[in-house]
Amino acid sequence: MDKLTQNYNSGVFFDELIDATGKARAPAQQLLEYLDNLPTEELEKRRITAEATVQEMGISFTVYTEEGNIDRAWPFDIVPRTIAAKDWAITAQGLKQRLTTLNRFIDDLYHDQRCIKDGIIPEHIIKDSKNFRPECVGVSPKYGVWAHICGTDLVRDEHGEFFVLEDNLRVPSGVSYMLENRAITKRVLPELFENDEILPVGAYTSDLFDTLAALSPRDIERPEIVVLTPGIYNSAYFEHAFLAQQMGVELVEGSDLFVDEDDCVYMKTIYGPERVDVIYRRIDDLFLDPEAFHPDSVLGVAGLMRAWKAGNVALANAPGAGVADDKVVYAYVPELIRYYLNEEPILKNVETFLCDNEEDREYVLAHLDELVVKPANESGGYGMLVGPHSTKKEQQLFAELIKANPRNYIAQPTLKLSTAPTLIGKGSLEPRHLDLRPFILQSKDTYVTTGGLTRVAMRKGSLVVNSSQGGGSKDTWIVDTKGA
């Protein structure tokens, strides 16, 4: 195993597949031996097959630009990322622990606010949160769960330890790409799936269906579940359609639903109105219900909040769950785990400086060229400063932004993100930085995906993995190495 990797060098970074001596890590051994035995022409043929498959399957994402919306084919690398099953088992427990805590925290905030009274989190952090919804105070969703679908971003440091980078609790996306990545890889590298060492990911949509069905307010055999999308121009529309199709449920827009005088939600069908039990909504809170939030929203359903509060429909994720999807709240999660569960966190946070704290703020302002600065509630890699790759002018701008609104900014050290071999050119592997977004489902039961969506920075040396910022993706293999 050295034709492909003879000049491979990940430098000071932890590489997911190849150790510091140039040898394959146990979960990657079979994969790298197989790739090494493929002629360069065959490897290139497989890469072209993957590109053709992406086009054939219509796997795309939308990038918003000043010139308009651009549909792009999903950027995919055929060399999978491998993780040992025994390592993943611990990580999965840490993810369950984290989501259980976050749901207890959200439920507490909309009821007794014990965490504030007991001094675990400062009151002004919640008071100034743009995602705290006063309309949700006193509501008690089924099982006390507000965030039913969570995408938690993980990174590995130079020692190979997983850290939580952030939690995505509003309308997390990307899981369809995780499933499609596996489908493409099975087509491109079918021989490697002949044994059972690579753990399957295909159960996600049935787990999602079970999670949603358990939320039904009616005790019926098959509740009516719908996926509520903003429509075809949304950047994640491919995923909305994919998940609805895979679960065998209806994909609807706001205009397809209405709330009747009985405070129940109905779907318009050619056979007449049909009652809806569960809505997997992919619309932001403020557009959900023009009666409760933005009065000019045409994406949502008038009266939806009334129906939800009356207990006649379940909403996943629940409105208001985004209060925990805040990079400032993130800094308090380890302490919240200790507070609600009386347990030590299994997964660590990345070291975080809160610009709201005077001492932290002074440190951040003095080290803008070294740190990554993020706004509290942006997503997709927007609105952030990557210190080592920034200009003096950009640093000056961020200094002014931080001083003007310190509550809205956090900073973290520039991480030595792990790398993985990525096919660059014909038959050449080079290290590229990556992260991982596993998905955690919670209602009656809790499920964690087998791995998750691996996003990879396709540009050499880049740390930005978001597809909207030029990143790509690869399949994630959790490999049972039988104790090795």
Protein backbone atom coordinates (compact mmCIF):
# COMPACT_ATOMS: atom_id res chain seq x y z
CA MET A 1 0.00 0.00 0.00
CA ASP A 2 2.35 2.72 -1.15
CA LYS A 3 1.70 3.55 -4.79
CA LEU A 4 -1.04 6.06 -3.94
CA THR A 5 0.36 7.20 -0.62
CA GLN A 6 4.14 7.14 -1.11
CA ASN A 7 4.37 10.96 -1.09
CA TYR A 8 1.38 11.47 1.20
CA ASN A 9 2.08 13.71 4.19
CA SER A 10 -0.56 15.28 6.44
CA GLY A 11 2.08 17.23 8.40
CA VAL A 12 1.12 18.14 11.95
CA PHE A 13 -2.51 17.12 11.44
CA PHE A 14 -4.20 13.89 12.53
CA ASP A 15 -5.07 11.94 9.40
CA GLU A 16 -8.19 9.77 9.52
CA LEU A 17 -6.83 6.99 7.28
CA ILE A 18 -3.03 7.10 7.45
CA ASP A 19 -0.91 7.35 10.60
CA ALA A 20 2.25 9.44 11.09
CA THR A 21 4.47 6.58 9.90
CA GLY A 22 2.61 6.35 6.59
CA LYS A 23 0.75 3.13 7.47
CA ALA A 24 -2.99 2.62 7.09
CA ARG A 25 -5.03 2.85 10.27
CA ALA A 26 -6.92 -0.39 11.01
CA PRO A 27 -10.36 0.78 9.72
CA ALA A 28 -8.77 2.00 6.45
CA GLN A 29 -6.50 -0.93 5.70
CA GLN A 30 -8.74 -2.85 3.33
CA LEU A 31 -9.87 0.33 1.56
CA LEU A 32 -6.36 1.64 0.89
CA GLU A 33 -5.05 -1.75 -0.23
CA TYR A 34 -7.95 -2.00 -2.67
CA LEU A 35 -7.41 1.51 -4.06
CA ASP A 36 -3.67 0.91 -4.32
CA ASN A 37 -4.27 -2.14 -6.51
CA LEU A 38 -6.47 -0.23 -8.96
CA PRO A 39 -4.68 1.01 -12.09
CA THR A 40 -4.65 4.81 -12.35
CA GLU A 41 -6.94 4.66 -15.37
CA GLU A 42 -9.47 2.55 -13.43
CA LEU A 43 -9.38 4.94 -10.45
CA GLU A 44 -10.06 7.85 -12.80
CA LYS A 45 -12.89 5.86 -14.38
CA ARG A 46 -14.46 5.35 -10.93
CA ARG A 47 -14.18 9.09 -10.23
CA ILE A 48 -15.93 9.93 -13.50
CA THR A 49 -18.62 7.32 -12.69
CA ALA A 50 -19.24 9.09 -9.37
CA GLU A 51 -19.65 12.45 -11.13
CA ALA A 52 -22.04 10.90 -13.65
CA THR A 53 -24.03 9.27 -10.83
CA VAL A 54 -24.42 12.62 -9.06
CA GLN A 55 -25.80 14.10 -12.29
CA GLU A 56 -28.02 11.09 -12.98
CA MET A 57 -29.50 11.09 -9.48
CA GLY A 58 -30.02 14.85 -9.58
CA ILE A 59 -28.10 15.42 -6.35
CA SER A 60 -27.68 19.18 -6.10
CA PHE A 61 -27.60 22.10 -3.71
CA THR A 62 -28.39 25.78 -4.16
CA VAL A 63 -25.96 28.63 -3.62
CA TYR A 64 -27.40 32.09 -3.04
CA THR A 65 -25.43 34.80 -4.88
CA GLU A 66 -25.93 38.46 -5.75
CA GLU A 67 -26.59 37.36 -9.33
CA GLY A 68 -29.33 34.96 -8.18
CA ASN A 69 -29.69 31.35 -7.08
CA ILE A 70 -27.34 28.82 -8.66
CA ASP A 71 -27.99 25.07 -8.64
CA ARG A 72 -24.77 23.09 -8.39
CA ALA A 73 -24.03 19.38 -8.62
CA TRP A 74 -23.04 17.89 -5.26
CA PRO A 75 -19.19 17.91 -5.01
CA PHE A 76 -18.15 14.37 -4.09
CA ASP A 77 -14.83 12.65 -3.39
CA ILE A 78 -14.75 8.87 -3.91
CA VAL A 79 -12.25 8.08 -1.11
CA PRO A 80 -14.36 7.40 2.01
CA ARG A 81 -13.47 8.55 5.50
CA THR A 82 -13.10 5.63 7.95
CA ILE A 83 -13.73 5.54 11.72
CA ALA A 84 -13.42 2.53 14.03
CA ALA A 85 -16.78 1.25 15.35
CA LYS A 86 -15.48 1.10 18.93
CA ASP A 87 -14.53 4.80 18.77
CA TRP A 88 -17.89 5.67 17.27
CA ALA A 89 -19.81 3.86 20.02
CA ILE A 90 -18.36 6.26 22.60
CA THR A 91 -19.01 9.28 20.38
CA ALA A 92 -22.64 8.22 19.86
CA GLN A 93 -23.16 8.02 23.63
CA GLY A 94 -21.75 11.53 23.94
CA LEU A 95 -24.16 12.80 21.29
CA LYS A 96 -27.16 11.22 23.05
CA GLN A 97 -26.03 12.77 26.33
CA ARG A 98 -25.75 16.17 24.69
CA LEU A 99 -29.17 16.19 22.99
CA THR A 100 -30.90 14.89 26.13
CA THR A 101 -29.35 17.80 28.03
CA LEU A 102 -30.26 20.39 25.40
CA ASN A 103 -33.88 19.24 25.41
CA ARG A 104 -34.05 19.48 29.20
CA PHE A 105 -32.51 22.93 28.98
CA ILE A 106 -35.03 24.16 26.38
CA ASP A 107 -37.94 22.74 28.37
CA ASP A 108 -36.62 24.42 31.52
CA LEU A 109 -36.31 27.79 29.75
CA TYR A 110 -39.97 27.74 28.71
CA HIS A 111 -41.14 26.70 32.17
CA ASP A 112 -39.36 27.28 35.52
CA GLN A 113 -35.99 28.60 34.26
CA ARG A 114 -34.21 26.79 37.10
CA CYS A 115 -30.90 26.97 35.22
CA ILE A 116 -31.05 30.78 35.43
CA LYS A 117 -32.21 30.86 39.05
CA ASP A 118 -29.42 28.46 40.03
CA GLY A 119 -26.78 30.57 38.26
CA ILE A 120 -25.83 28.02 35.60
CA ILE A 121 -26.41 30.44 32.72
CA PRO A 122 -26.77 34.25 32.98
CA GLU A 123 -30.29 35.59 32.48
CA HIS A 124 -29.26 38.21 29.90
CA ILE A 125 -27.90 35.49 27.57
CA ILE A 126 -31.45 34.16 27.20
CA LYS A 127 -33.13 37.56 27.38
CA ASP A 128 -30.98 38.81 24.49
CA SER A 129 -31.34 35.63 22.45
CA LYS A 130 -33.00 36.26 19.10
CA ASN A 131 -34.28 32.66 19.11
CA PHE A 132 -36.09 32.70 22.45
CA ARG A 133 -39.80 32.68 21.64
CA PRO A 134 -42.08 34.15 24.34
CA GLU A 135 -44.98 32.53 22.42
CA CYS A 136 -43.67 29.13 23.57
CA VAL A 137 -43.63 29.80 27.32
CA GLY A 138 -45.67 27.19 29.17
CA VAL A 139 -46.01 24.79 26.21
CA SER A 140 -45.15 21.16 27.00
CA PRO A 141 -44.36 19.11 23.88
CA LYS A 142 -44.69 15.32 24.06
CA TYR A 143 -41.86 13.60 26.01
CA GLY A 144 -40.52 17.06 26.95
CA VAL A 145 -38.61 17.04 23.65
CA TRP A 146 -38.31 20.24 21.62
CA ALA A 147 -35.40 19.42 19.30
CA HIS A 148 -36.30 16.12 17.65
CA ILE A 149 -33.69 16.32 14.89
CA CYS A 150 -30.24 17.65 15.71
CA GLY A 151 -27.14 17.92 13.54
CA THR A 152 -24.06 18.28 15.74
CA ASP A 153 -20.83 19.30 14.05
CA LEU A 154 -17.77 17.39 15.23
CA VAL A 155 -14.09 17.94 14.51
CA ARG A 156 -11.02 15.91 15.40
CA ASP A 157 -7.90 17.57 16.80
CA GLU A 158 -4.25 16.71 16.18
CA HIS A 159 -4.53 13.79 18.65
CA GLY A 160 -7.59 12.30 16.95
CA GLU A 161 -10.01 13.27 19.74
CA PHE A 162 -13.54 14.32 18.73
CA PHE A 163 -14.71 17.78 19.84
CA VAL A 164 -18.14 19.39 19.40
CA LEU A 165 -17.90 22.48 17.23
CA GLU A 166 -21.58 23.44 17.33
CA ASP A 167 -25.13 22.11 17.67
CA ASN A 168 -27.72 22.72 14.94
CA LEU A 169 -31.23 22.53 16.37
CA ARG A 170 -33.42 24.72 14.20
CA VAL A 171 -33.79 23.06 10.78
CA PRO A 172 -30.54 21.08 10.43
CA SER A 173 -29.86 19.84 6.91
CA GLY A 174 -27.47 17.46 5.20
CA VAL A 175 -28.71 14.00 6.12
CA SER A 176 -29.97 13.25 2.60
CA TYR A 177 -26.45 13.86 1.31
CA MET A 178 -25.11 11.40 3.89
CA LEU A 179 -27.46 8.75 2.48
CA GLU A 180 -26.75 9.65 -1.14
CA ASN A 181 -22.99 9.56 -0.48
CA ARG A 182 -23.39 5.93 0.54
CA ALA A 183 -25.49 5.15 -2.55
CA ILE A 184 -22.83 6.67 -4.85
CA THR A 185 -19.98 4.87 -3.07
CA LYS A 186 -21.75 1.51 -3.37
CA ARG A 187 -21.99 2.09 -7.09
CA VAL A 188 -18.35 3.20 -7.45
CA LEU A 189 -16.66 0.76 -5.02
CA PRO A 190 -19.15 -2.15 -4.82
CA GLU A 191 -16.53 -4.82 -4.08
CA LEU A 192 -15.77 -3.28 -0.68
CA PHE A 193 -19.32 -3.85 0.56
CA GLU A 194 -19.20 -7.61 0.10
CA ASN A 195 -18.42 -8.20 3.78
CA ASP A 196 -20.23 -6.76 6.80
CA GLU A 197 -17.41 -4.66 8.23
CA ILE A 198 -18.84 -1.35 6.94
CA LEU A 199 -21.85 -0.59 9.13
CA PRO A 200 -25.04 0.44 7.25
CA VAL A 201 -26.59 3.92 7.32
CA GLY A 202 -29.87 3.12 5.56
CA ALA A 203 -32.02 2.92 8.70
CA TYR A 204 -32.13 6.72 9.09
CA THR A 205 -35.37 7.38 7.23
CA SER A 206 -37.24 4.60 9.08
CA ASP A 207 -35.82 5.91 12.38
CA LEU A 208 -36.96 9.41 11.39
CA PHE A 209 -40.43 8.10 10.56
CA ASP A 210 -40.64 6.30 13.94
CA THR A 211 -39.42 9.44 15.75
CA LEU A 212 -42.10 11.56 14.08
CA ALA A 213 -44.89 8.98 14.38
CA ALA A 214 -44.28 8.74 18.14
CA LEU A 215 -45.18 12.45 18.42
CA SER A 216 -48.70 11.99 17.05
CA PRO A 217 -51.41 13.47 19.28
CA ARG A 218 -53.81 10.77 18.06
CA ASP A 219 -53.36 7.13 19.03
CA ILE A 220 -53.81 5.68 15.55
CA GLU A 221 -51.97 3.00 13.62
CA ARG A 222 -50.51 5.28 10.94
CA PRO A 223 -50.51 8.99 11.80
CA GLU A 224 -50.60 11.51 8.96
CA ILE A 225 -47.08 12.97 8.73
CA VAL A 226 -46.04 15.70 6.30
CA VAL A 227 -42.77 17.46 5.44
CA LEU A 228 -43.37 21.22 5.24
CA THR A 229 -41.03 22.93 2.77
CA PRO A 230 -40.66 26.60 1.81
CA GLY A 231 -40.66 25.42 -1.81
CA ILE A 232 -38.44 24.64 -4.76
CA TYR A 233 -36.22 27.71 -4.41
CA ASN A 234 -34.98 26.74 -0.96
CA SER A 235 -31.33 25.58 -0.89
CA ALA A 236 -32.29 22.32 0.86
CA TYR A 237 -35.34 21.50 -1.29
CA PHE A 238 -33.61 18.40 -2.68
CA GLU A 239 -33.41 17.08 0.87
CA HIS A 240 -37.04 17.92 1.71
CA ALA A 241 -38.26 16.00 -1.33
CA PHE A 242 -35.84 13.12 -0.73
CA LEU A 243 -36.88 12.57 2.91
CA ALA A 244 -40.61 12.80 2.15
CA GLN A 245 -40.21 10.26 -0.65
CA GLN A 246 -38.09 7.90 1.46
CA MET A 247 -40.53 8.01 4.40
CA GLY A 248 -43.57 7.66 2.14
CA VAL A 249 -45.18 10.88 3.41
CA GLU A 250 -46.51 13.98 1.68
CA LEU A 251 -44.27 16.93 0.82
CA VAL A 252 -46.35 20.07 1.33
CA GLU A 253 -46.07 23.84 1.20
CA GLY A 254 -47.93 26.20 3.53
CA SER A 255 -50.70 26.73 0.98
CA ASP A 256 -51.49 22.98 1.08
CA LEU A 257 -52.49 23.17 4.77
CA PHE A 258 -55.04 25.07 6.83
CA VAL A 259 -56.16 25.27 10.45
CA ASP A 260 -59.93 24.84 10.92
CA GLU A 261 -62.23 26.12 13.68
CA ASP A 262 -61.45 23.02 15.77
CA ASP A 263 -57.77 24.15 15.99
CA CYS A 264 -56.67 21.08 14.01
CA VAL A 265 -54.45 21.15 10.92
CA TYR A 266 -55.80 19.79 7.66
CA MET A 267 -54.20 19.01 4.32
CA LYS A 268 -56.08 19.80 1.13
CA THR A 269 -56.50 16.69 -1.02
CA ILE A 270 -58.62 15.80 -4.04
CA TYR A 271 -60.75 13.71 -1.65
CA GLY A 272 -61.33 16.62 0.75
CA PRO A 273 -59.52 17.81 3.89
CA GLU A 274 -57.36 15.24 5.69
CA ARG A 275 -56.22 15.82 9.26
CA VAL A 276 -52.45 16.15 9.81
CA ASP A 277 -50.89 14.78 13.01
CA VAL A 278 -47.19 15.59 12.66
CA ILE A 279 -45.38 18.27 10.68
CA TYR A 280 -41.67 17.90 10.04
CA ARG A 281 -41.14 21.54 9.28
CA ARG A 282 -38.23 22.87 7.27
CA ILE A 283 -39.28 26.50 7.69
CA ASP A 284 -37.75 28.92 10.20
CA ASP A 285 -39.84 29.86 13.26
CA LEU A 286 -40.68 33.38 12.15
CA PHE A 287 -42.27 32.21 8.89
CA LEU A 288 -44.32 29.37 10.40
CA ASP A 289 -47.51 31.22 11.28
CA PRO A 290 -48.46 34.72 10.13
CA GLU A 291 -50.86 34.97 13.10
CA ALA A 292 -48.06 34.51 15.62
CA PHE A 293 -44.91 35.77 13.87
CA HIS A 294 -44.27 37.61 10.56
CA PRO A 295 -47.78 38.68 9.45
CA ASP A 296 -46.68 38.85 5.80
CA SER A 297 -45.29 35.30 5.65
CA VAL A 298 -46.76 33.21 2.85
CA LEU A 299 -44.60 30.17 3.67
CA GLY A 300 -46.39 29.06 6.81
CA VAL A 301 -49.94 28.28 7.95
CA ALA A 302 -52.19 30.76 9.75
CA GLY A 303 -53.21 29.35 13.15
CA LEU A 304 -50.47 26.69 13.26
CA MET A 305 -49.22 27.87 16.65
CA ARG A 306 -52.77 27.70 18.02
CA ALA A 307 -53.11 24.11 16.84
CA TRP A 308 -49.71 23.19 18.30
CA LYS A 309 -50.42 24.81 21.67
CA ALA A 310 -53.78 23.03 21.81
CA GLY A 311 -51.91 19.73 21.43
CA ASN A 312 -53.67 18.90 18.15
CA VAL A 313 -50.54 18.71 16.00
CA ALA A 314 -46.87 17.98 16.66
CA LEU A 315 -44.16 20.18 15.16
CA ALA A 316 -40.64 18.87 14.67
CA ASN A 317 -38.51 20.63 15.55
CA ALA A 318 -40.71 22.56 17.94
CA PRO A 319 -40.82 26.35 17.62
CA GLY A 320 -38.42 27.91 20.12
CA ALA A 321 -35.93 25.04 20.02
CA GLY A 322 -33.44 27.38 18.37
CA VAL A 323 -32.79 29.09 21.70
CA ALA A 324 -30.22 26.32 22.29
CA ASP A 325 -28.87 26.69 18.73
CA ASP A 326 -26.75 29.63 19.79
CA LYS A 327 -22.97 29.68 19.83
CA VAL A 328 -23.02 31.53 23.16
CA VAL A 329 -25.28 28.93 24.79
CA TYR A 330 -22.92 26.30 23.30
CA ALA A 331 -20.20 27.46 25.69
CA TYR A 332 -22.40 26.53 28.68
CA VAL A 333 -23.39 23.03 27.50
CA PRO A 334 -20.72 21.10 29.50
CA GLU A 335 -21.98 22.76 32.68
CA LEU A 336 -25.60 22.12 31.66
CA ILE A 337 -24.80 18.39 31.28
CA ARG A 338 -23.49 18.33 34.84
CA TYR A 339 -26.51 20.31 36.06
CA TYR A 340 -29.33 18.33 34.40
CA LEU A 341 -27.82 14.83 34.24
CA ASN A 342 -25.26 14.89 37.05
CA GLU A 343 -22.76 13.40 34.58
CA GLU A 344 -19.42 14.45 33.16
CA PRO A 345 -19.55 15.39 29.45
CA ILE A 346 -18.41 12.52 27.22
CA LEU A 347 -17.60 14.90 24.35
CA LYS A 348 -15.66 18.10 24.95
CA ASN A 349 -16.37 21.56 23.59
CA VAL A 350 -13.77 23.46 21.63
CA GLU A 351 -12.23 26.16 23.85
CA THR A 352 -14.51 29.19 23.48
CA PHE A 353 -14.09 32.87 24.34
CA LEU A 354 -17.29 34.80 24.98
CA CYS A 355 -16.97 38.39 23.76
CA ASP A 356 -19.72 39.31 26.23
CA ASN A 357 -17.16 38.65 28.99
CA GLU A 358 -14.81 41.65 29.36
CA GLU A 359 -11.68 39.59 29.97
CA ASP A 360 -12.44 37.26 27.05
CA ARG A 361 -13.26 40.22 24.82
CA GLU A 362 -9.95 41.94 25.50
CA TYR A 363 -8.11 38.72 24.67
CA VAL A 364 -10.08 38.25 21.43
CA LEU A 365 -9.50 41.83 20.27
CA ALA A 366 -5.76 41.42 20.91
CA HIS A 367 -5.56 38.09 19.00
CA LEU A 368 -7.93 38.51 16.04
CA ASP A 369 -5.19 37.34 13.68
CA GLU A 370 -5.04 33.95 15.46
CA LEU A 371 -8.68 33.18 16.26
CA VAL A 372 -11.86 32.16 14.45
CA VAL A 373 -14.62 34.66 15.30
CA LYS A 374 -18.25 33.61 14.80
CA PRO A 375 -21.59 35.41 15.19
CA ALA A 376 -23.92 33.68 17.65
CA ASN A 377 -26.69 32.70 15.26
CA GLU A 378 -25.38 32.52 11.70
CA SER A 379 -24.95 29.24 9.84
CA GLY A 380 -23.34 27.90 6.68
CA GLY A 381 -19.97 29.50 7.37
CA TYR A 382 -21.32 33.03 6.82
CA GLY A 383 -20.33 36.12 8.79
CA MET A 384 -17.20 34.64 10.37
CA LEU A 385 -13.56 35.68 10.52
CA VAL A 386 -10.82 33.06 10.11
CA GLY A 387 -7.99 35.03 11.73
CA PRO A 388 -4.89 33.47 10.15
CA HIS A 389 -6.43 33.85 6.65
CA SER A 390 -7.81 37.37 7.18
CA THR A 391 -6.56 40.83 6.24
CA LYS A 392 -5.89 43.72 8.65
CA LYS A 393 -8.95 45.46 7.20
CA GLU A 394 -11.19 42.45 7.96
CA GLN A 395 -9.77 42.23 11.49
CA GLN A 396 -10.50 45.93 12.03
CA LEU A 397 -14.08 45.47 10.83
CA PHE A 398 -14.62 42.56 13.22
CA ALA A 399 -13.13 44.52 16.11
CA GLU A 400 -15.81 47.19 15.52
CA LEU A 401 -18.57 44.56 15.23
CA ILE A 402 -17.51 42.92 18.49
CA LYS A 403 -17.35 46.23 20.36
CA ALA A 404 -20.79 47.24 19.03
CA ASN A 405 -22.49 43.96 20.00
CA PRO A 406 -20.26 41.75 22.19
CA ARG A 407 -23.14 39.36 23.07
CA ASN A 408 -23.35 38.35 19.42
CA TYR A 409 -19.77 37.04 19.06
CA ILE A 410 -17.64 34.17 20.25
CA ALA A 411 -14.09 33.23 19.30
CA GLN A 412 -12.26 29.92 19.19
CA PRO A 413 -8.65 28.91 18.51
CA THR A 414 -7.84 27.98 14.91
CA LEU A 415 -8.16 24.22 15.12
CA LYS A 416 -5.76 21.72 13.66
CA LEU A 417 -8.65 19.99 11.85
CA SER A 418 -8.02 16.38 10.94
CA THR A 419 -7.41 15.45 7.31
CA ALA A 420 -8.22 12.54 5.03
CA PRO A 421 -6.82 11.44 1.68
CA THR A 422 -8.77 13.06 -1.16
CA LEU A 423 -8.44 12.26 -4.85
CA ILE A 424 -6.85 15.25 -6.58
CA GLY A 425 -6.09 14.94 -10.27
CA LYS A 426 -5.44 11.54 -11.81
CA GLY A 427 -4.45 8.94 -9.25
CA SER A 428 -3.06 11.39 -6.70
CA LEU A 429 -4.12 11.52 -3.05
CA GLU A 430 -3.64 14.68 -1.02
CA PRO A 431 -4.75 15.52 2.54
CA ARG A 432 -7.78 17.79 2.89
CA HIS A 433 -9.36 19.06 6.11
CA LEU A 434 -12.80 17.81 7.12
CA ASP A 435 -15.51 17.80 9.76
CA LEU A 436 -18.45 15.50 10.52
CA ARG A 437 -22.15 16.15 11.05
CA PRO A 438 -23.90 13.16 12.65
CA PHE A 439 -27.66 13.39 13.17
CA ILE A 440 -29.41 12.58 16.43
CA LEU A 441 -33.14 11.85 16.61
CA GLN A 442 -35.16 12.05 19.81
CA SER A 443 -38.80 11.58 20.81
CA LYS A 444 -39.86 8.38 22.57
CA ASP A 445 -36.46 6.85 21.73
CA THR A 446 -33.08 8.28 20.74
CA TYR A 447 -31.17 7.32 17.60
CA VAL A 448 -27.73 8.37 16.34
CA THR A 449 -26.66 7.95 12.72
CA THR A 450 -23.88 5.48 11.97
CA GLY A 451 -21.33 8.18 11.28
CA GLY A 452 -22.76 11.19 9.50
CA LEU A 453 -22.16 13.70 6.76
CA THR A 454 -18.44 14.26 6.19
CA ARG A 455 -17.75 17.65 4.66
CA VAL A 456 -14.33 18.27 3.18
CA ALA A 457 -12.48 21.45 2.24
CA MET A 458 -11.57 20.79 -1.39
CA ARG A 459 -9.05 23.64 -1.55
CA LYS A 460 -5.55 22.87 -0.28
CA GLY A 461 -4.99 24.22 3.23
CA SER A 462 -8.55 25.56 3.54
CA LEU A 463 -10.47 24.98 6.77
CA VAL A 464 -13.86 25.96 5.31
CA VAL A 465 -15.85 22.81 4.57
CA ASN A 466 -19.30 24.25 3.80
CA SER A 467 -20.54 23.37 0.30
CA SER A 468 -21.80 26.95 -0.07
CA GLN A 469 -18.19 28.08 0.44
CA GLY A 470 -16.57 25.63 -2.00
CA GLY A 471 -16.43 22.50 0.15
CA GLY A 472 -17.30 18.96 -0.89
CA SER A 473 -18.23 15.68 0.74
CA LYS A 474 -17.31 12.00 1.03
CA ASP A 475 -18.89 8.84 2.40
CA THR A 476 -18.31 8.07 6.09
CA TRP A 477 -17.58 4.48 7.01
CA ILE A 478 -17.93 3.22 10.55
CA VAL A 479 -15.84 0.07 10.31
CA ASP A 480 -16.13 -2.86 12.68
CA THR A 481 -12.50 -3.95 12.96
CA LYS A 482 -13.44 -6.80 15.34
CA GLY A 483 -11.69 -5.23 18.32
CA ALA A 484 -8.59 -4.11 16.42
